[in-house]
Every structure is written in structure tokens, then in C-alpha cells.
Amino acid sequence: MAETLERIWGRTKFDVLVNNAGTSLHNSIAGTTEAEFDEVMNVHLKGPFFLTQRLLPLLADGGRILNVSSGLARFSFPGSSAYAMMKGGIEVFTRYLAAELGSRGITANTLAPGAIETDFSGGMVRDNPEVNRMVSANTALGRAGRISDIGPIAAALVAAENRWMNGQRIEASGGMRL
């Protein structure tokens, strides 16, 4: 990894790591198989943990880590327990990163989007009018989120000017399920 970083970007360190793992699972607690659970765990917990661990020597002092969670770690929709449980785990991981890496000036924060109109989960929020109406009805701003709603928040969270924010969870859900 160090060789690639130097060869492509001419650097030995990088400044920002964003862990934005994503796969969905829509199944009840009773119906979730161990294989489904393991897949979601590998993507949402194991992957970010070990990727971060591997990249820590290359992350510059004063750098930023942004882990992406979900509004589902705060509110509940039946059929999302395994996914939400993993996102809750990533929020705990963020706090530990913040505590353990603070001496290097590295901050770690969590961005928790609500329902966003993307390809995630087969484009369910974007492409299914019934789901989009349900999301809109449960959001104070009266609509589902858009990609353009999340990018500026992510950029702000990793900006050098936000060096004093550390170990925090920021939800960007348009006020979903307040």
C-alpha cells in the first residue's frame, strides 16, 4: 500500500480515511441466517476495522477518519436489526479510534445518513415510490435525502478546520423520526 501511495500520489502518508462500507440486509431477527449475518458483519465491522488497522501507519498525524453509519443505529425499522447492529458497532469503533489516536492529532467521527436516494439496497429509496413516500412522511423536511445532501457534510467533517470535533456522531437524515 505504501508503494502505491508513493507511486501514484508521490506521498508517503495520506490525510483522510473514509470507511463507507455498504451492503444491506432486510430480514427479521428470526429469519436472518448465520451466513447473512456474517456477510453483513464482514462488510460493516470486520472490513473497516482491519482496513483502518492496516492503514494507520500511513495515516498522517493530524489526519481524519470518517466512519459512515446509519440513522438506523438511532431508530428502528423492523427487518433491519443485523444491519443496524453493525452500524451501532461502527459508532463504538469511532469513539475508540478517537480516544486511541488523539495523541497523534487524528480525529475520528461518524456520519449517520438517513434514507438517501442511491443505488444502496437495490435503489429501494430512490426507485420504489411506496418506500420513498414512507421515508418522506417520516422526515421533518418531507423528503428522502439526496447524494448532494451528504457530500458537503462529509467534506466538512474531514476538513482541517474541524480539528476539534472528535468522537462524535453526526446524523444527516433531514430530521427522520424525531
C-alpha atoms as a PDB file:
ATOM      1  CA  MET A   1       0.000   0.000   0.000  1.00  0.00           C
ATOM      2  CA  ALA A   2       2.826   2.405   0.828  1.00  0.00           C
ATOM      3  CA  GLU A   3       4.401   1.784  -2.571  1.00  0.00           C
ATOM      4  CA  THR A   4       1.121   2.521  -4.349  1.00  0.00           C
ATOM      5  CA  LEU A   5       0.612   5.699  -2.336  1.00  0.00           C
ATOM      6  CA  GLU A   6       4.063   6.952  -3.276  1.00  0.00           C
ATOM      7  CA  ARG A   7       3.945   5.791  -6.898  1.00  0.00           C
ATOM      8  CA  ILE A   8       0.542   7.292  -7.715  1.00  0.00           C
ATOM      9  CA  TRP A   9       0.388  10.363  -5.475  1.00  0.00           C
ATOM     10  CA  GLY A  10       4.057  10.956  -4.643  1.00  0.00           C
ATOM     11  CA  ARG A  11       3.339  10.815  -0.913  1.00  0.00           C
ATOM     12  CA  THR A  12       4.296   8.551   1.953  1.00  0.00           C
ATOM     13  CA  LYS A  13       1.252   9.472   4.074  1.00  0.00           C
ATOM     14  CA  PHE A  14      -2.407  10.258   3.393  1.00  0.00           C
ATOM     15  CA  ASP A  15      -4.716  12.613   5.306  1.00  0.00           C
ATOM     16  CA  VAL A  16      -8.250  11.217   5.256  1.00  0.00           C
ATOM     17  CA  LEU A  17      -9.741   7.747   5.581  1.00  0.00           C
ATOM     18  CA  VAL A  18     -13.468   7.306   4.930  1.00  0.00           C
ATOM     19  CA  ASN A  19     -14.931   3.929   5.847  1.00  0.00           C
ATOM     20  CA  ASN A  20     -18.130   3.809   3.832  1.00  0.00           C
ATOM     21  CA  ALA A  21     -18.872   0.099   3.747  1.00  0.00           C
ATOM     22  CA  GLY A  22     -22.271  -0.749   2.436  1.00  0.00           C
ATOM     23  CA  THR A  23     -24.432  -3.747   1.897  1.00  0.00           C
ATOM     24  CA  SER A  24     -27.962  -4.173   3.107  1.00  0.00           C
ATOM     25  CA  LEU A  25     -29.894  -6.933   4.744  1.00  0.00           C
ATOM     26  CA  HIS A  26     -33.654  -6.825   5.078  1.00  0.00           C
ATOM     27  CA  ASN A  27     -34.717  -9.717   7.239  1.00  0.00           C
ATOM     28  CA  SER A  28     -36.292 -10.256  10.624  1.00  0.00           C
ATOM     29  CA  ILE A  29     -34.259 -11.365  13.616  1.00  0.00           C
ATOM     30  CA  ALA A  30     -35.928 -14.784  13.446  1.00  0.00           C
ATOM     31  CA  GLY A  31     -35.336 -15.068   9.697  1.00  0.00           C
ATOM     32  CA  THR A  32     -31.702 -13.930   9.485  1.00  0.00           C
ATOM     33  CA  THR A  33     -29.335 -16.787   8.750  1.00  0.00           C
ATOM     34  CA  GLU A  34     -25.842 -17.050  10.159  1.00  0.00           C
ATOM     35  CA  ALA A  35     -24.435 -16.675   6.639  1.00  0.00           C
ATOM     36  CA  GLU A  36     -26.390 -13.434   6.107  1.00  0.00           C
ATOM     37  CA  PHE A  37     -25.279 -12.135   9.495  1.00  0.00           C
ATOM     38  CA  ASP A  38     -21.630 -12.995   8.783  1.00  0.00           C
ATOM     39  CA  GLU A  39     -21.733 -11.243   5.407  1.00  0.00           C
ATOM     40  CA  VAL A  40     -23.093  -8.029   6.914  1.00  0.00           C
ATOM     41  CA  MET A  41     -20.610  -8.262   9.794  1.00  0.00           C
ATOM     42  CA  ASN A  42     -17.668  -8.774   7.435  1.00  0.00           C
ATOM     43  CA  VAL A  43     -18.583  -5.725   5.360  1.00  0.00           C
ATOM     44  CA  HIS A  44     -19.679  -3.335   8.105  1.00  0.00           C
ATOM     45  CA  LEU A  45     -17.416  -4.255  11.037  1.00  0.00           C
ATOM     46  CA  LYS A  46     -14.547  -6.539  10.146  1.00  0.00           C
ATOM     47  CA  GLY A  47     -13.682  -4.746   6.904  1.00  0.00           C
ATOM     48  CA  PRO A  48     -13.466  -1.217   8.360  1.00  0.00           C
ATOM     49  CA  PHE A  49     -11.650  -2.436  11.491  1.00  0.00           C
ATOM     50  CA  PHE A  50      -8.879  -4.269   9.666  1.00  0.00           C
ATOM     51  CA  LEU A  51      -8.606  -1.772   6.815  1.00  0.00           C
ATOM     52  CA  THR A  52      -8.167   1.011   9.360  1.00  0.00           C
ATOM     53  CA  GLN A  53      -5.660  -1.060  11.316  1.00  0.00           C
ATOM     54  CA  ARG A  54      -3.640  -1.724   8.158  1.00  0.00           C
ATOM     55  CA  LEU A  55      -3.681   1.921   7.082  1.00  0.00           C
ATOM     56  CA  LEU A  56      -2.879   3.526  10.461  1.00  0.00           C
ATOM     57  CA  PRO A  57       0.882   3.594   9.803  1.00  0.00           C
ATOM     58  CA  LEU A  58       0.205   5.513   6.575  1.00  0.00           C
ATOM     59  CA  LEU A  59      -2.314   7.980   8.029  1.00  0.00           C
ATOM     60  CA  ALA A  60      -0.646  11.318   8.661  1.00  0.00           C
ATOM     61  CA  ASP A  61      -0.570  12.762  12.146  1.00  0.00           C
ATOM     62  CA  GLY A  62      -3.391  15.305  12.276  1.00  0.00           C
ATOM     63  CA  GLY A  63      -5.389  13.218   9.801  1.00  0.00           C
ATOM     64  CA  ARG A  64      -9.086  12.428   9.792  1.00  0.00           C
ATOM     65  CA  ILE A  65     -11.129   9.241   9.919  1.00  0.00           C
ATOM     66  CA  LEU A  66     -14.791   9.336   8.974  1.00  0.00           C
ATOM     67  CA  ASN A  67     -16.879   6.228   9.524  1.00  0.00           C
ATOM     68  CA  VAL A  68     -20.287   6.034   7.889  1.00  0.00           C
ATOM     69  CA  SER A  69     -23.114   4.644   9.985  1.00  0.00           C
ATOM     70  CA  SER A  70     -26.862   4.937   9.530  1.00  0.00           C
ATOM     71  CA  GLY A  71     -29.867   6.598  11.074  1.00  0.00           C
ATOM     72  CA  LEU A  72     -30.967   3.015  11.773  1.00  0.00           C
ATOM     73  CA  ALA A  73     -28.467   2.939  14.640  1.00  0.00           C
ATOM     74  CA  ARG A  74     -30.737   5.508  16.383  1.00  0.00           C
ATOM     75  CA  PHE A  75     -34.247   4.498  15.303  1.00  0.00           C
ATOM     76  CA  SER A  76     -35.752   1.135  14.447  1.00  0.00           C
ATOM     77  CA  PHE A  77     -37.400  -0.269  11.347  1.00  0.00           C
ATOM     78  CA  PRO A  78     -38.292  -3.955  11.693  1.00  0.00           C
ATOM     79  CA  GLY A  79     -36.227  -6.106   9.373  1.00  0.00           C
ATOM     80  CA  SER A  80     -33.058  -4.046   9.780  1.00  0.00           C
ATOM     81  CA  SER A  81     -31.676  -5.367  13.067  1.00  0.00           C
ATOM     82  CA  ALA A  82     -28.484  -7.058  11.844  1.00  0.00           C
ATOM     83  CA  TYR A  83     -27.543  -4.111   9.626  1.00  0.00           C
ATOM     84  CA  ALA A  84     -28.326  -1.555  12.332  1.00  0.00           C
ATOM     85  CA  MET A  85     -26.418  -3.582  14.910  1.00  0.00           C
ATOM     86  CA  MET A  86     -23.289  -3.415  12.742  1.00  0.00           C
ATOM     87  CA  LYS A  87     -23.691   0.322  12.247  1.00  0.00           C
ATOM     88  CA  GLY A  88     -24.006   0.718  16.012  1.00  0.00           C
ATOM     89  CA  GLY A  89     -20.728  -1.170  16.273  1.00  0.00           C
ATOM     90  CA  ILE A  90     -19.040   1.209  13.840  1.00  0.00           C
ATOM     91  CA  GLU A  91     -20.149   4.095  16.057  1.00  0.00           C
ATOM     92  CA  VAL A  92     -18.464   2.480  19.065  1.00  0.00           C
ATOM     93  CA  PHE A  93     -15.357   1.846  16.944  1.00  0.00           C
ATOM     94  CA  THR A  94     -15.293   5.559  16.096  1.00  0.00           C
ATOM     95  CA  ARG A  95     -15.152   6.540  19.756  1.00  0.00           C
ATOM     96  CA  TYR A  96     -12.295   4.128  20.386  1.00  0.00           C
ATOM     97  CA  LEU A  97     -10.382   5.435  17.383  1.00  0.00           C
ATOM     98  CA  ALA A  98     -10.860   8.974  18.680  1.00  0.00           C
ATOM     99  CA  ALA A  99      -9.514   8.011  22.105  1.00  0.00           C
ATOM    100  CA  GLU A 100      -6.602   5.907  20.888  1.00  0.00           C
ATOM    101  CA  LEU A 101      -5.422   8.190  18.068  1.00  0.00           C
ATOM    102  CA  GLY A 102      -5.912  11.563  19.746  1.00  0.00           C
ATOM    103  CA  SER A 103      -2.255  11.699  20.780  1.00  0.00           C
ATOM    104  CA  ARG A 104      -1.384  11.799  17.061  1.00  0.00           C
ATOM    105  CA  GLY A 105      -3.894  14.587  16.440  1.00  0.00           C
ATOM    106  CA  ILE A 106      -6.035  12.212  14.379  1.00  0.00           C
ATOM    107  CA  THR A 107      -9.767  12.707  14.757  1.00  0.00           C
ATOM    108  CA  ALA A 108     -12.442  10.104  14.160  1.00  0.00           C
ATOM    109  CA  ASN A 109     -16.113  10.889  13.709  1.00  0.00           C
ATOM    110  CA  THR A 110     -19.228   9.151  12.451  1.00  0.00           C
ATOM    111  CA  LEU A 111     -21.606  10.388   9.771  1.00  0.00           C
ATOM    112  CA  ALA A 112     -25.001   8.707  10.003  1.00  0.00           C
ATOM    113  CA  PRO A 113     -27.133   9.394   6.933  1.00  0.00           C
ATOM    114  CA  GLY A 114     -30.827   8.694   6.919  1.00  0.00           C
ATOM    115  CA  ALA A 115     -32.579   7.239   3.882  1.00  0.00           C
ATOM    116  CA  ILE A 116     -30.786   8.537   0.775  1.00  0.00           C
ATOM    117  CA  GLU A 117     -31.831   8.128  -2.865  1.00  0.00           C
ATOM    118  CA  THR A 118     -28.932   5.971  -4.110  1.00  0.00           C
ATOM    119  CA  ASP A 119     -28.261   2.501  -5.529  1.00  0.00           C
ATOM    120  CA  PHE A 120     -27.976   1.175  -1.963  1.00  0.00           C
ATOM    121  CA  SER A 121     -30.304  -1.722  -1.236  1.00  0.00           C
ATOM    122  CA  GLY A 122     -31.152  -2.029  -4.905  1.00  0.00           C
ATOM    123  CA  GLY A 123     -32.181   1.632  -5.159  1.00  0.00           C
ATOM    124  CA  MET A 124     -35.110   0.974  -2.830  1.00  0.00           C
ATOM    125  CA  VAL A 125     -35.457   4.549  -1.526  1.00  0.00           C
ATOM    126  CA  ARG A 126     -34.867   6.101  -4.935  1.00  0.00           C
ATOM    127  CA  ASP A 127     -36.815   3.712  -7.153  1.00  0.00           C
ATOM    128  CA  ASN A 128     -39.707   2.456  -5.034  1.00  0.00           C
ATOM    129  CA  PRO A 129     -42.398   5.172  -4.788  1.00  0.00           C
ATOM    130  CA  GLU A 130     -44.012   3.498  -1.774  1.00  0.00           C
ATOM    131  CA  VAL A 131     -40.731   3.424   0.179  1.00  0.00           C
ATOM    132  CA  ASN A 132     -39.945   6.990  -0.872  1.00  0.00           C
ATOM    133  CA  ARG A 133     -43.373   8.162   0.373  1.00  0.00           C
ATOM    134  CA  MET A 134     -42.873   6.360   3.691  1.00  0.00           C
ATOM    135  CA  VAL A 135     -39.433   7.956   4.146  1.00  0.00           C
ATOM    136  CA  SER A 136     -40.791  11.381   3.221  1.00  0.00           C
ATOM    137  CA  ALA A 137     -43.645  11.003   5.710  1.00  0.00           C
ATOM    138  CA  ASN A 138     -41.165  10.184   8.499  1.00  0.00           C
ATOM    139  CA  THR A 139     -38.739  13.023   7.762  1.00  0.00           C
ATOM    140  CA  ALA A 140     -39.192  16.545   9.124  1.00  0.00           C
ATOM    141  CA  LEU A 141     -38.021  18.037   5.816  1.00  0.00           C
ATOM    142  CA  GLY A 142     -40.625  15.958   3.970  1.00  0.00           C
ATOM    143  CA  ARG A 143     -38.418  14.104   1.516  1.00  0.00           C
ATOM    144  CA  ALA A 144     -35.769  11.432   1.207  1.00  0.00           C
ATOM    145  CA  GLY A 145     -32.156  12.542   1.194  1.00  0.00           C
ATOM    146  CA  ARG A 146     -30.092  13.008  -1.937  1.00  0.00           C
ATOM    147  CA  ILE A 147     -26.421  12.351  -2.547  1.00  0.00           C
ATOM    148  CA  SER A 148     -25.918  16.109  -2.796  1.00  0.00           C
ATOM    149  CA  ASP A 149     -27.187  16.414   0.795  1.00  0.00           C
ATOM    150  CA  ILE A 150     -24.466  14.152   2.197  1.00  0.00           C
ATOM    151  CA  GLY A 151     -21.285  15.080   0.302  1.00  0.00           C
ATOM    152  CA  PRO A 152     -20.916  18.584   1.802  1.00  0.00           C
ATOM    153  CA  ILE A 153     -21.396  17.226   5.314  1.00  0.00           C
ATOM    154  CA  ALA A 154     -18.754  14.541   4.802  1.00  0.00           C
ATOM    155  CA  ALA A 155     -16.353  17.145   3.391  1.00  0.00           C
ATOM    156  CA  ALA A 156     -16.934  19.421   6.378  1.00  0.00           C
ATOM    157  CA  LEU A 157     -16.349  16.616   8.863  1.00  0.00           C
ATOM    158  CA  VAL A 158     -12.907  15.825   7.437  1.00  0.00           C
ATOM    159  CA  ALA A 159     -11.862  19.456   6.909  1.00  0.00           C
ATOM    160  CA  ALA A 160      -8.787  20.656   8.774  1.00  0.00           C
ATOM    161  CA  GLU A 161     -10.883  23.439  10.318  1.00  0.00           C
ATOM    162  CA  ASN A 162     -12.909  20.823  12.221  1.00  0.00           C
ATOM    163  CA  ARG A 163      -9.895  19.508  14.090  1.00  0.00           C
ATOM    164  CA  TRP A 164     -11.612  19.974  17.482  1.00  0.00           C
ATOM    165  CA  MET A 165     -14.555  17.678  16.672  1.00  0.00           C
ATOM    166  CA  ASN A 166     -13.613  14.184  17.747  1.00  0.00           C
ATOM    167  CA  GLY A 167     -15.504  11.013  18.634  1.00  0.00           C
ATOM    168  CA  GLN A 168     -18.840  12.441  17.546  1.00  0.00           C
ATOM    169  CA  ARG A 169     -21.837  11.035  15.692  1.00  0.00           C
ATOM    170  CA  ILE A 170     -23.462  13.452  13.262  1.00  0.00           C
ATOM    171  CA  GLU A 171     -26.775  12.378  11.788  1.00  0.00           C
ATOM    172  CA  ALA A 172     -27.775  13.770   8.413  1.00  0.00           C
ATOM    173  CA  SER A 173     -31.310  12.497   7.951  1.00  0.00           C
ATOM    174  CA  GLY A 174     -33.423  15.581   7.320  1.00  0.00           C
ATOM    175  CA  GLY A 175     -34.925  15.044  10.769  1.00  0.00           C
ATOM    176  CA  MET A 176     -36.053  11.469  10.275  1.00  0.00           C
ATOM    177  CA  ARG A 177     -38.082  10.021  13.138  1.00  0.00           C
ATOM    178  CA  LEU A 178     -37.560  12.914  15.525  1.00  0.00           C
END
